[in-house]
Amino acid sequence: MFQLGVKYDFIFTLFDNDRTGISLSWLYRRRYNTIPLFVKIGKDFTENLKHIGKEKMKEEIKNVKAYYGIHI
């Protein structure tokens, strides 16, 4: 994980939307300075795609990036 931070400016995590996934997202944020992607519709990425669709998922990711001031 440390090597990724050398090559990339921003690293996002996308864990399941359950207690374990949320805890791991915050742990990675503290430990590795990653940015968690939280979409609070379904339990995981696949469920989110089914519920809100690909375009809405892209919009959610864009919103997270804007929240952190990332414009790439």
Protein backbone atom coordinates (compact mmCIF):
# COMPACT_ATOMS: atom_id res chain seq x y z
CA MET A 1 0.00 0.00 0.00
CA PHE A 2 2.82 2.42 0.73
CA GLN A 3 4.18 2.03 -2.79
CA LEU A 4 0.84 3.07 -4.28
CA GLY A 5 1.01 6.38 -2.45
CA VAL A 6 4.31 7.15 -4.12
CA LYS A 7 2.90 6.64 -7.62
CA TYR A 8 -0.62 8.08 -7.18
CA ASP A 9 -1.80 11.31 -5.60
CA PHE A 10 -5.19 9.92 -4.54
CA ILE A 11 -6.20 6.41 -3.60
CA PHE A 12 -9.86 5.60 -2.99
CA THR A 13 -11.28 2.68 -1.03
CA LEU A 14 -14.59 1.04 -1.82
CA PHE A 15 -15.56 -1.47 0.84
CA ASP A 16 -18.98 -2.97 1.54
CA ASN A 17 -21.51 -0.70 3.21
CA ASP A 18 -21.69 -2.71 6.44
CA ARG A 19 -20.07 -2.30 9.86
CA THR A 20 -16.87 -4.08 8.84
CA GLY A 21 -16.52 -2.24 5.54
CA ILE A 22 -17.10 1.17 7.09
CA SER A 23 -14.61 0.44 9.88
CA LEU A 24 -11.99 -0.69 7.37
CA SER A 25 -12.58 2.41 5.23
CA TRP A 26 -11.82 4.68 8.19
CA LEU A 27 -8.87 2.52 9.27
CA TYR A 28 -7.34 2.78 5.78
CA ARG A 29 -7.98 6.52 5.78
CA ARG A 30 -6.07 6.95 9.02
CA ARG A 31 -3.32 4.46 8.26
CA TYR A 32 -2.74 4.96 4.53
CA ASN A 33 -4.34 8.36 3.83
CA THR A 34 -6.87 6.88 1.39
CA ILE A 35 -10.23 8.42 0.56
CA PRO A 36 -13.28 6.27 1.33
CA LEU A 37 -16.11 6.11 -1.19
CA PHE A 38 -19.38 5.71 0.69
CA VAL A 39 -22.56 5.17 -1.31
CA LYS A 40 -25.31 4.40 1.18
CA ILE A 41 -27.87 2.67 -1.01
CA GLY A 42 -26.99 -1.03 -1.13
CA LYS A 43 -24.57 -3.28 0.72
CA ASP A 44 -21.88 -3.28 -1.94
CA PHE A 45 -20.85 -1.76 -5.25
CA THR A 46 -22.86 -4.26 -7.32
CA GLU A 47 -26.07 -3.58 -5.39
CA ASN A 48 -25.50 0.15 -5.78
CA LEU A 49 -25.19 -0.26 -9.55
CA LYS A 50 -28.46 -2.22 -9.62
CA HIS A 51 -30.30 0.36 -7.51
CA ILE A 52 -29.02 3.65 -8.89
CA GLY A 53 -27.36 2.75 -12.21
CA LYS A 54 -23.97 3.47 -13.70
CA GLU A 55 -24.49 7.18 -14.40
CA LYS A 56 -25.71 7.92 -10.86
CA MET A 57 -22.77 5.95 -9.45
CA LYS A 58 -20.38 8.05 -11.53
CA GLU A 59 -22.10 11.17 -10.17
CA GLU A 60 -21.70 9.92 -6.58
CA ILE A 61 -17.98 9.33 -7.15
CA LYS A 62 -17.66 12.78 -8.71
CA ASN A 63 -19.36 14.27 -5.61
CA VAL A 64 -16.89 12.53 -3.29
CA LYS A 65 -13.99 13.82 -5.35
CA ALA A 66 -15.40 17.36 -5.26
CA TYR A 67 -15.88 17.12 -1.49
CA TYR A 68 -12.16 16.40 -1.11
CA GLY A 69 -11.21 19.09 -3.66
CA ILE A 70 -10.05 16.60 -6.29
CA HIS A 71 -10.66 17.76 -9.84
CA ILE A 72 -9.19 15.07 -12.06
